[in-house]
Amino acid sequence: MALLRRLRAADAETVYAPRFHRELEEPVAGSIAVPPSVPLVVTEGNYLLMDGEWAPVRGLLDEAWYVEVPEEIRLARLVRRHVAYGKSEDEARRWALGSDQANAVLIAATAFRAGAIVWLG
């Protein structure tokens, strides 16, 4: 939330944001420079529309879109990504149908909080 607050502050300083590196499975701080001249910042994240500790995020966004793709495409993309980063096909499929699927169900329940639901099918 601190990053979103700094981005909204509209002062004359460049803000540095982290980038998630899949090969590390970690964000790396200061990887993306956002100068004050940037007119639009697009952020993404599974938890941005959640309740609890995430609830204040919605107030820091001008718009929130929930993007949905057909289940078979979502799963195929997840498996492909996991394989690309070192998992076997079987491991990738188990991961996608296990913890990734549980997360997808959790996040799908937040779609109603978005200003728009975009269907990419």
N, C-alpha and C. Protein backbone atom coordinates (compact mmCIF):
# COMPACT_ATOMS: atom_id res chain seq x y z
N MET A 1 0.82 -1.19 0.00
CA MET A 1 0.00 0.00 0.00
C MET A 1 0.87 1.25 0.00
N ALA A 2 2.02 1.15 0.63
CA ALA A 2 2.91 2.32 0.66
C ALA A 2 3.32 2.72 -0.74
N LEU A 3 3.57 1.74 -1.60
CA LEU A 3 3.93 2.04 -2.99
C LEU A 3 2.79 2.76 -3.70
N LEU A 4 1.58 2.28 -3.55
CA LEU A 4 0.43 2.94 -4.19
C LEU A 4 0.26 4.36 -3.68
N ARG A 5 0.48 4.56 -2.39
CA ARG A 5 0.38 5.91 -1.83
C ARG A 5 1.44 6.84 -2.42
N ARG A 6 2.66 6.33 -2.56
CA ARG A 6 3.73 7.15 -3.15
C ARG A 6 3.42 7.48 -4.61
N LEU A 7 2.89 6.53 -5.34
CA LEU A 7 2.54 6.77 -6.74
C LEU A 7 1.43 7.81 -6.88
N ARG A 8 0.49 7.80 -5.97
CA ARG A 8 -0.62 8.76 -6.01
C ARG A 8 -0.23 10.16 -5.52
N ALA A 9 0.87 10.26 -4.80
CA ALA A 9 1.25 11.53 -4.19
C ALA A 9 1.50 12.63 -5.21
N ALA A 10 1.83 12.29 -6.44
CA ALA A 10 2.01 13.25 -7.53
C ALA A 10 3.03 14.33 -7.21
N ASP A 11 4.10 13.94 -6.54
CA ASP A 11 5.15 14.93 -6.32
C ASP A 11 6.18 14.80 -7.45
N ALA A 12 7.29 15.47 -7.35
CA ALA A 12 8.25 15.54 -8.45
C ALA A 12 9.33 14.46 -8.37
N GLU A 13 9.13 13.45 -7.56
CA GLU A 13 10.15 12.41 -7.42
C GLU A 13 9.78 11.16 -8.21
N THR A 14 10.81 10.51 -8.73
CA THR A 14 10.62 9.20 -9.35
C THR A 14 10.38 8.19 -8.24
N VAL A 15 9.41 7.32 -8.45
CA VAL A 15 9.10 6.25 -7.50
C VAL A 15 9.64 4.95 -8.08
N TYR A 16 10.25 4.15 -7.24
CA TYR A 16 10.80 2.87 -7.69
C TYR A 16 9.94 1.74 -7.14
N ALA A 17 9.50 0.90 -8.05
CA ALA A 17 8.61 -0.20 -7.69
C ALA A 17 9.32 -1.54 -7.86
N PRO A 18 8.88 -2.55 -7.14
CA PRO A 18 9.48 -3.87 -7.30
C PRO A 18 8.96 -4.57 -8.56
N ARG A 19 9.69 -5.54 -9.01
CA ARG A 19 9.26 -6.41 -10.12
C ARG A 19 9.38 -7.84 -9.61
N PHE A 20 8.36 -8.63 -9.87
CA PHE A 20 8.40 -10.03 -9.44
C PHE A 20 9.19 -10.82 -10.47
N HIS A 21 10.21 -11.51 -10.00
CA HIS A 21 11.04 -12.34 -10.88
C HIS A 21 10.68 -13.80 -10.65
N ARG A 22 10.06 -14.40 -11.64
CA ARG A 22 9.62 -15.79 -11.52
C ARG A 22 10.79 -16.74 -11.29
N GLU A 23 11.93 -16.46 -11.91
CA GLU A 23 13.06 -17.37 -11.74
C GLU A 23 13.54 -17.40 -10.30
N LEU A 24 13.28 -16.35 -9.55
CA LEU A 24 13.63 -16.29 -8.13
C LEU A 24 12.45 -16.60 -7.23
N GLU A 25 11.24 -16.46 -7.79
CA GLU A 25 9.98 -16.54 -7.03
C GLU A 25 9.97 -15.49 -5.93
N GLU A 26 10.53 -14.32 -6.24
CA GLU A 26 10.62 -13.22 -5.29
C GLU A 26 10.52 -11.88 -6.02
N PRO A 27 9.98 -10.87 -5.34
CA PRO A 27 10.05 -9.52 -5.91
C PRO A 27 11.44 -8.94 -5.67
N VAL A 28 11.88 -8.11 -6.60
CA VAL A 28 13.16 -7.42 -6.45
C VAL A 28 12.86 -5.93 -6.37
N ALA A 29 13.18 -5.34 -5.23
CA ALA A 29 12.87 -3.93 -4.98
C ALA A 29 13.60 -3.00 -5.94
N GLY A 30 12.96 -1.88 -6.24
CA GLY A 30 13.59 -0.83 -7.02
C GLY A 30 13.85 -1.18 -8.47
N SER A 31 13.15 -2.15 -9.01
CA SER A 31 13.39 -2.62 -10.38
C SER A 31 12.70 -1.79 -11.46
N ILE A 32 11.66 -1.08 -11.10
CA ILE A 32 10.89 -0.32 -12.09
C ILE A 32 10.86 1.14 -11.66
N ALA A 33 11.43 2.01 -12.49
CA ALA A 33 11.40 3.44 -12.22
C ALA A 33 10.11 4.03 -12.80
N VAL A 34 9.37 4.78 -11.98
CA VAL A 34 8.15 5.44 -12.43
C VAL A 34 8.33 6.94 -12.22
N PRO A 35 8.73 7.64 -13.30
CA PRO A 35 8.93 9.08 -13.16
C PRO A 35 7.59 9.80 -13.03
N PRO A 36 7.59 11.01 -12.47
CA PRO A 36 6.32 11.74 -12.26
C PRO A 36 5.61 12.08 -13.57
N SER A 37 6.29 12.00 -14.70
CA SER A 37 5.66 12.30 -15.99
C SER A 37 4.77 11.17 -16.51
N VAL A 38 4.81 10.00 -15.87
CA VAL A 38 3.99 8.87 -16.31
C VAL A 38 2.52 9.17 -15.99
N PRO A 39 1.64 9.18 -17.01
CA PRO A 39 0.25 9.58 -16.79
C PRO A 39 -0.66 8.46 -16.26
N LEU A 40 -0.22 7.20 -16.42
CA LEU A 40 -1.07 6.08 -16.05
C LEU A 40 -0.20 4.95 -15.51
N VAL A 41 -0.60 4.42 -14.37
CA VAL A 41 0.09 3.28 -13.79
C VAL A 41 -0.92 2.14 -13.72
N VAL A 42 -0.54 1.01 -14.29
CA VAL A 42 -1.37 -0.20 -14.24
C VAL A 42 -0.69 -1.16 -13.28
N THR A 43 -1.43 -1.62 -12.31
CA THR A 43 -0.90 -2.59 -11.36
C THR A 43 -1.76 -3.84 -11.43
N GLU A 44 -1.19 -4.95 -11.04
CA GLU A 44 -1.97 -6.18 -11.02
C GLU A 44 -1.64 -6.93 -9.75
N GLY A 45 -2.57 -7.74 -9.34
CA GLY A 45 -2.34 -8.55 -8.16
C GLY A 45 -3.60 -9.29 -7.79
N ASN A 46 -3.43 -10.50 -7.34
CA ASN A 46 -4.57 -11.33 -6.99
C ASN A 46 -5.35 -10.80 -5.80
N TYR A 47 -4.70 -10.12 -4.88
CA TYR A 47 -5.34 -9.78 -3.62
C TYR A 47 -5.84 -8.34 -3.53
N LEU A 48 -5.77 -7.59 -4.60
CA LEU A 48 -6.09 -6.17 -4.55
C LEU A 48 -7.54 -5.86 -4.20
N LEU A 49 -8.44 -6.80 -4.36
CA LEU A 49 -9.85 -6.57 -4.04
C LEU A 49 -10.32 -7.34 -2.81
N MET A 50 -9.37 -7.85 -2.04
CA MET A 50 -9.70 -8.65 -0.86
C MET A 50 -10.13 -7.75 0.30
N ASP A 51 -10.78 -8.37 1.27
CA ASP A 51 -11.13 -7.73 2.54
C ASP A 51 -9.93 -7.76 3.47
N GLY A 52 -10.17 -7.40 4.71
CA GLY A 52 -9.13 -7.48 5.73
C GLY A 52 -8.02 -6.48 5.49
N GLU A 53 -6.79 -6.92 5.65
CA GLU A 53 -5.65 -6.01 5.53
C GLU A 53 -5.52 -5.42 4.13
N TRP A 54 -6.12 -6.05 3.12
CA TRP A 54 -6.05 -5.55 1.75
C TRP A 54 -7.13 -4.52 1.43
N ALA A 55 -8.13 -4.40 2.24
CA ALA A 55 -9.28 -3.53 1.95
C ALA A 55 -8.90 -2.09 1.60
N PRO A 56 -7.92 -1.47 2.24
CA PRO A 56 -7.58 -0.08 1.88
C PRO A 56 -7.04 0.10 0.45
N VAL A 57 -6.58 -0.97 -0.16
CA VAL A 57 -6.02 -0.86 -1.51
C VAL A 57 -7.05 -0.30 -2.48
N ARG A 58 -8.28 -0.76 -2.40
CA ARG A 58 -9.31 -0.33 -3.36
C ARG A 58 -9.45 1.19 -3.39
N GLY A 59 -9.31 1.84 -2.25
CA GLY A 59 -9.40 3.29 -2.18
C GLY A 59 -8.23 4.01 -2.80
N LEU A 60 -7.15 3.30 -3.08
CA LEU A 60 -5.97 3.89 -3.70
C LEU A 60 -5.96 3.73 -5.22
N LEU A 61 -6.97 3.06 -5.74
CA LEU A 61 -7.06 2.81 -7.18
C LEU A 61 -8.16 3.66 -7.78
N ASP A 62 -7.88 4.28 -8.92
CA ASP A 62 -8.94 5.01 -9.63
C ASP A 62 -9.94 4.04 -10.23
N GLU A 63 -9.44 2.93 -10.75
CA GLU A 63 -10.29 1.90 -11.34
C GLU A 63 -9.75 0.54 -10.92
N ALA A 64 -10.62 -0.43 -10.88
CA ALA A 64 -10.21 -1.81 -10.63
C ALA A 64 -10.98 -2.70 -11.60
N TRP A 65 -10.25 -3.47 -12.36
CA TRP A 65 -10.85 -4.41 -13.31
C TRP A 65 -10.50 -5.82 -12.87
N TYR A 66 -11.45 -6.69 -12.97
CA TYR A 66 -11.23 -8.11 -12.73
C TYR A 66 -11.18 -8.76 -14.11
N VAL A 67 -10.08 -9.42 -14.42
CA VAL A 67 -9.91 -10.04 -15.73
C VAL A 67 -10.10 -11.54 -15.57
N GLU A 68 -10.99 -12.08 -16.39
CA GLU A 68 -11.30 -13.50 -16.31
C GLU A 68 -11.08 -14.16 -17.66
N VAL A 69 -10.48 -15.34 -17.64
CA VAL A 69 -10.30 -16.13 -18.85
C VAL A 69 -10.94 -17.49 -18.63
N PRO A 70 -11.27 -18.20 -19.70
CA PRO A 70 -11.84 -19.54 -19.52
C PRO A 70 -10.89 -20.43 -18.70
N GLU A 71 -11.49 -21.25 -17.88
CA GLU A 71 -10.73 -22.10 -16.94
C GLU A 71 -9.66 -22.92 -17.65
N GLU A 72 -9.98 -23.52 -18.78
CA GLU A 72 -9.00 -24.37 -19.46
C GLU A 72 -7.80 -23.57 -19.96
N ILE A 73 -8.02 -22.33 -20.36
CA ILE A 73 -6.92 -21.47 -20.79
C ILE A 73 -6.08 -21.06 -19.59
N ARG A 74 -6.75 -20.69 -18.50
CA ARG A 74 -6.02 -20.30 -17.28
C ARG A 74 -5.13 -21.43 -16.79
N LEU A 75 -5.68 -22.64 -16.73
CA LEU A 75 -4.90 -23.79 -16.26
C LEU A 75 -3.75 -24.11 -17.20
N ALA A 76 -3.99 -24.08 -18.51
CA ALA A 76 -2.93 -24.37 -19.47
C ALA A 76 -1.79 -23.36 -19.35
N ARG A 77 -2.13 -22.09 -19.17
CA ARG A 77 -1.10 -21.05 -19.01
C ARG A 77 -0.30 -21.26 -17.73
N LEU A 78 -0.99 -21.61 -16.64
CA LEU A 78 -0.28 -21.86 -15.37
C LEU A 78 0.68 -23.03 -15.51
N VAL A 79 0.21 -24.11 -16.08
CA VAL A 79 1.06 -25.30 -16.24
C VAL A 79 2.27 -24.93 -17.10
N ARG A 80 2.03 -24.24 -18.21
CA ARG A 80 3.12 -23.84 -19.10
C ARG A 80 4.14 -22.97 -18.36
N ARG A 81 3.66 -22.03 -17.55
CA ARG A 81 4.57 -21.16 -16.80
C ARG A 81 5.38 -21.95 -15.78
N HIS A 82 4.73 -22.85 -15.05
CA HIS A 82 5.45 -23.66 -14.07
C HIS A 82 6.51 -24.54 -14.74
N VAL A 83 6.20 -25.10 -15.88
CA VAL A 83 7.17 -25.92 -16.62
C VAL A 83 8.34 -25.05 -17.08
N ALA A 84 8.02 -23.86 -17.59
CA ALA A 84 9.07 -22.95 -18.06
C ALA A 84 10.05 -22.58 -16.96
N TYR A 85 9.59 -22.61 -15.70
CA TYR A 85 10.46 -22.24 -14.59
C TYR A 85 10.93 -23.45 -13.79
N GLY A 86 10.91 -24.63 -14.44
CA GLY A 86 11.61 -25.77 -13.87
C GLY A 86 10.82 -26.93 -13.33
N LYS A 87 9.50 -26.83 -13.24
CA LYS A 87 8.73 -27.97 -12.74
C LYS A 87 8.50 -28.97 -13.88
N SER A 88 8.38 -30.24 -13.52
CA SER A 88 8.00 -31.23 -14.52
C SER A 88 6.54 -31.00 -14.89
N GLU A 89 6.10 -31.57 -15.98
CA GLU A 89 4.70 -31.42 -16.41
C GLU A 89 3.75 -31.89 -15.30
N ASP A 90 4.05 -33.03 -14.68
CA ASP A 90 3.18 -33.55 -13.61
C ASP A 90 3.19 -32.64 -12.39
N GLU A 91 4.37 -32.18 -11.98
CA GLU A 91 4.46 -31.25 -10.84
C GLU A 91 3.68 -29.97 -11.13
N ALA A 92 3.84 -29.46 -12.35
CA ALA A 92 3.17 -28.22 -12.74
C ALA A 92 1.67 -28.39 -12.70
N ARG A 93 1.18 -29.50 -13.20
CA ARG A 93 -0.27 -29.75 -13.20
C ARG A 93 -0.79 -29.89 -11.77
N ARG A 94 -0.07 -30.61 -10.92
CA ARG A 94 -0.49 -30.74 -9.51
C ARG A 94 -0.53 -29.38 -8.83
N TRP A 95 0.47 -28.56 -9.08
CA TRP A 95 0.54 -27.23 -8.47
C TRP A 95 -0.64 -26.38 -8.95
N ALA A 96 -0.87 -26.39 -10.27
CA ALA A 96 -1.95 -25.59 -10.85
C ALA A 96 -3.32 -26.03 -10.33
N LEU A 97 -3.50 -27.33 -10.14
CA LEU A 97 -4.79 -27.84 -9.66
C LEU A 97 -4.89 -27.85 -8.14
N GLY A 98 -3.78 -27.61 -7.46
CA GLY A 98 -3.76 -27.58 -6.01
C GLY A 98 -3.83 -26.16 -5.47
N SER A 99 -2.68 -25.64 -5.06
CA SER A 99 -2.67 -24.32 -4.43
C SER A 99 -3.08 -23.20 -5.38
N ASP A 100 -2.70 -23.29 -6.66
CA ASP A 100 -3.13 -22.26 -7.61
C ASP A 100 -4.65 -22.25 -7.76
N GLN A 101 -5.26 -23.43 -7.80
CA GLN A 101 -6.72 -23.51 -7.96
C GLN A 101 -7.43 -22.97 -6.72
N ALA A 102 -6.92 -23.31 -5.55
CA ALA A 102 -7.51 -22.79 -4.31
C ALA A 102 -7.44 -21.26 -4.30
N ASN A 103 -6.33 -20.71 -4.74
CA ASN A 103 -6.16 -19.26 -4.81
C ASN A 103 -7.14 -18.66 -5.83
N ALA A 104 -7.30 -19.32 -6.97
CA ALA A 104 -8.22 -18.82 -8.01
C ALA A 104 -9.65 -18.73 -7.48
N VAL A 105 -10.06 -19.72 -6.72
CA VAL A 105 -11.42 -19.71 -6.14
C VAL A 105 -11.56 -18.55 -5.16
N LEU A 106 -10.56 -18.36 -4.32
CA LEU A 106 -10.56 -17.26 -3.35
C LEU A 106 -10.66 -15.91 -4.07
N ILE A 107 -9.88 -15.71 -5.10
CA ILE A 107 -9.83 -14.44 -5.81
C ILE A 107 -11.11 -14.22 -6.63
N ALA A 108 -11.65 -15.26 -7.22
CA ALA A 108 -12.89 -15.13 -8.00
C ALA A 108 -14.02 -14.56 -7.14
N ALA A 109 -13.99 -14.85 -5.86
CA ALA A 109 -15.03 -14.35 -4.95
C ALA A 109 -14.94 -12.85 -4.73
N THR A 110 -13.86 -12.20 -5.20
CA THR A 110 -13.71 -10.75 -5.03
C THR A 110 -14.12 -9.97 -6.28
N ALA A 111 -14.47 -10.66 -7.35
CA ALA A 111 -14.76 -10.00 -8.63
C ALA A 111 -15.83 -8.92 -8.51
N PHE A 112 -16.80 -9.13 -7.65
CA PHE A 112 -17.90 -8.17 -7.52
C PHE A 112 -17.43 -6.80 -7.03
N ARG A 113 -16.24 -6.72 -6.45
CA ARG A 113 -15.72 -5.44 -5.97
C ARG A 113 -15.06 -4.61 -7.07
N ALA A 114 -14.85 -5.22 -8.21
CA ALA A 114 -14.21 -4.51 -9.33
C ALA A 114 -15.21 -3.59 -10.01
N GLY A 115 -14.70 -2.54 -10.61
CA GLY A 115 -15.55 -1.63 -11.37
C GLY A 115 -15.97 -2.21 -12.70
N ALA A 116 -15.18 -3.17 -13.20
CA ALA A 116 -15.48 -3.83 -14.47
C ALA A 116 -14.95 -5.26 -14.42
N ILE A 117 -15.68 -6.15 -15.05
CA ILE A 117 -15.20 -7.51 -15.23
C ILE A 117 -14.95 -7.70 -16.71
N VAL A 118 -13.72 -8.00 -17.04
CA VAL A 118 -13.30 -8.15 -18.43
C VAL A 118 -13.15 -9.64 -18.72
N TRP A 119 -13.88 -10.11 -19.71
CA TRP A 119 -13.84 -11.52 -20.08
C TRP A 119 -12.95 -11.67 -21.31
N LEU A 120 -11.86 -12.39 -21.16
CA LEU A 120 -10.96 -12.65 -22.28
C LEU A 120 -11.14 -14.09 -22.71
N GLY A 121 -12.07 -14.34 -23.55
CA GLY A 121 -12.35 -15.71 -23.96
C GLY A 121 -12.31 -15.81 -25.42
